[in-house]
Amino acid sequence: MRYEPTTAPLSLGSAARAWLSDELRRIANAIGQPGYLQLDPIDVEPQRPSKGMIVWAVGVNWDPGAGQGLYVYNEAGAWDRVN
């Protein structure tokens, strides 16, 4: 499950408190998934890759080096395929 924020109510009061409570519950559910990580496949290089970033590259429009697969961005500024 991926967290997508919703629009906050314009008025402050019980509606805002209910909205905030619901948002916090949705965040907890999104980060509390047990035992796995799911990456969305991407077909363009991230705009600002940083050391340690992990991606699942489709390998068609953007091929970081060895086709489709799991890659990590290294200290030298390149993508390494994870085998």
C-alpha atoms as a PDB file:
ATOM      1  CA  MET A   1       0.000   0.000   0.000  1.00  0.00           C
ATOM      2  CA  ARG A   2       1.295   3.425  -0.914  1.00  0.00           C
ATOM      3  CA  TYR A   3       0.333   6.533   1.040  1.00  0.00           C
ATOM      4  CA  GLU A   4      -1.268   9.291  -1.017  1.00  0.00           C
ATOM      5  CA  PRO A   5      -2.314  12.352   0.999  1.00  0.00           C
ATOM      6  CA  THR A   6      -5.846  13.652   0.770  1.00  0.00           C
ATOM      7  CA  THR A   7      -6.990  17.271   0.875  1.00  0.00           C
ATOM      8  CA  ALA A   8      -7.419  18.746   4.344  1.00  0.00           C
ATOM      9  CA  PRO A   9     -10.750  20.354   5.231  1.00  0.00           C
ATOM     10  CA  LEU A  10     -10.829  24.147   5.078  1.00  0.00           C
ATOM     11  CA  SER A  11     -12.360  24.587   8.507  1.00  0.00           C
ATOM     12  CA  LEU A  12     -10.616  23.863  11.756  1.00  0.00           C
ATOM     13  CA  GLY A  13     -12.636  21.849  14.197  1.00  0.00           C
ATOM     14  CA  SER A  14     -14.064  18.356  14.410  1.00  0.00           C
ATOM     15  CA  ALA A  15     -13.805  17.786  10.638  1.00  0.00           C
ATOM     16  CA  ALA A  16     -10.099  18.667  10.738  1.00  0.00           C
ATOM     17  CA  ARG A  17      -9.494  16.424  13.749  1.00  0.00           C
ATOM     18  CA  ALA A  18     -11.283  13.526  12.034  1.00  0.00           C
ATOM     19  CA  TRP A  19      -9.320  14.109   8.823  1.00  0.00           C
ATOM     20  CA  LEU A  20      -5.985  14.217  10.690  1.00  0.00           C
ATOM     21  CA  SER A  21      -6.811  11.054  12.614  1.00  0.00           C
ATOM     22  CA  ASP A  22      -7.691   9.272   9.359  1.00  0.00           C
ATOM     23  CA  GLU A  23      -4.513  10.483   7.627  1.00  0.00           C
ATOM     24  CA  LEU A  24      -2.315   9.286  10.494  1.00  0.00           C
ATOM     25  CA  ARG A  25      -4.032   5.890  10.402  1.00  0.00           C
ATOM     26  CA  ARG A  26      -3.459   5.672   6.624  1.00  0.00           C
ATOM     27  CA  ILE A  27       0.232   6.573   7.070  1.00  0.00           C
ATOM     28  CA  ALA A  28       0.650   3.923   9.769  1.00  0.00           C
ATOM     29  CA  ASN A  29      -0.965   1.317   7.505  1.00  0.00           C
ATOM     30  CA  ALA A  30       1.262   2.286   4.585  1.00  0.00           C
ATOM     31  CA  ILE A  31       4.527   2.025   6.514  1.00  0.00           C
ATOM     32  CA  GLY A  32       3.485  -0.924   8.621  1.00  0.00           C
ATOM     33  CA  GLN A  33       3.399  -3.505   5.829  1.00  0.00           C
ATOM     34  CA  PRO A  34       5.125  -6.661   7.086  1.00  0.00           C
ATOM     35  CA  GLY A  35       8.333  -8.048   5.667  1.00  0.00           C
ATOM     36  CA  TYR A  36       8.583  -6.779   2.109  1.00  0.00           C
ATOM     37  CA  LEU A  37       9.257  -3.786  -0.078  1.00  0.00           C
ATOM     38  CA  GLN A  38       7.583  -3.303  -3.432  1.00  0.00           C
ATOM     39  CA  LEU A  39       9.239  -1.062  -6.009  1.00  0.00           C
ATOM     40  CA  ASP A  40       7.315   0.435  -8.903  1.00  0.00           C
ATOM     41  CA  PRO A  41       9.136  -0.258 -12.193  1.00  0.00           C
ATOM     42  CA  ILE A  42      10.454   2.954 -13.770  1.00  0.00           C
ATOM     43  CA  ASP A  43      11.460   3.699 -17.343  1.00  0.00           C
ATOM     44  CA  VAL A  44      13.174   7.074 -16.824  1.00  0.00           C
ATOM     45  CA  GLU A  45      16.192   7.844 -14.672  1.00  0.00           C
ATOM     46  CA  PRO A  46      15.362   9.650 -11.413  1.00  0.00           C
ATOM     47  CA  GLN A  47      16.041  13.392 -11.734  1.00  0.00           C
ATOM     48  CA  ARG A  48      18.279  13.585  -8.659  1.00  0.00           C
ATOM     49  CA  PRO A  49      19.723  10.161  -7.894  1.00  0.00           C
ATOM     50  CA  SER A  50      21.563   9.920  -4.593  1.00  0.00           C
ATOM     51  CA  LYS A  51      23.977   7.407  -3.088  1.00  0.00           C
ATOM     52  CA  GLY A  52      22.127   4.306  -1.956  1.00  0.00           C
ATOM     53  CA  MET A  53      18.980   4.890  -4.034  1.00  0.00           C
ATOM     54  CA  ILE A  54      17.452   1.602  -5.195  1.00  0.00           C
ATOM     55  CA  VAL A  55      15.249   1.317  -8.300  1.00  0.00           C
ATOM     56  CA  TRP A  56      13.651  -1.342 -10.477  1.00  0.00           C
ATOM     57  CA  ALA A  57      14.494  -0.281 -14.042  1.00  0.00           C
ATOM     58  CA  VAL A  58      12.315  -1.458 -16.913  1.00  0.00           C
ATOM     59  CA  GLY A  59      15.320  -1.280 -19.234  1.00  0.00           C
ATOM     60  CA  VAL A  60      13.486   0.038 -22.317  1.00  0.00           C
ATOM     61  CA  ASN A  61      13.374   3.861 -22.385  1.00  0.00           C
ATOM     62  CA  TRP A  62      16.082   4.005 -19.714  1.00  0.00           C
ATOM     63  CA  ASP A  63      18.633   1.239 -19.403  1.00  0.00           C
ATOM     64  CA  PRO A  64      21.065   1.935 -16.543  1.00  0.00           C
ATOM     65  CA  GLY A  65      23.526  -0.644 -17.842  1.00  0.00           C
ATOM     66  CA  ALA A  66      22.369  -4.246 -18.026  1.00  0.00           C
ATOM     67  CA  GLY A  67      18.702  -4.178 -19.027  1.00  0.00           C
ATOM     68  CA  GLN A  68      15.711  -4.725 -16.785  1.00  0.00           C
ATOM     69  CA  GLY A  69      16.414  -5.283 -13.119  1.00  0.00           C
ATOM     70  CA  LEU A  70      17.275  -3.985  -9.694  1.00  0.00           C
ATOM     71  CA  TYR A  71      19.921  -1.224  -9.484  1.00  0.00           C
ATOM     72  CA  VAL A  72      21.582   0.763  -6.715  1.00  0.00           C
ATOM     73  CA  TYR A  73      23.205   4.187  -7.172  1.00  0.00           C
ATOM     74  CA  ASN A  74      26.820   4.118  -5.970  1.00  0.00           C
ATOM     75  CA  GLU A  75      29.294   6.669  -4.558  1.00  0.00           C
ATOM     76  CA  ALA A  76      30.957   7.099  -7.959  1.00  0.00           C
ATOM     77  CA  GLY A  77      27.697   8.370  -9.464  1.00  0.00           C
ATOM     78  CA  ALA A  78      26.773   5.266 -11.445  1.00  0.00           C
ATOM     79  CA  TRP A  79      24.072   2.602 -11.312  1.00  0.00           C
ATOM     80  CA  ASP A  80      25.153  -0.931 -10.288  1.00  0.00           C
ATOM     81  CA  ARG A  81      22.933  -3.879 -11.107  1.00  0.00           C
ATOM     82  CA  VAL A  82      22.082  -6.049  -8.109  1.00  0.00           C
ATOM     83  CA  ASN A  83      22.245  -9.730  -8.987  1.00  0.00           C
END
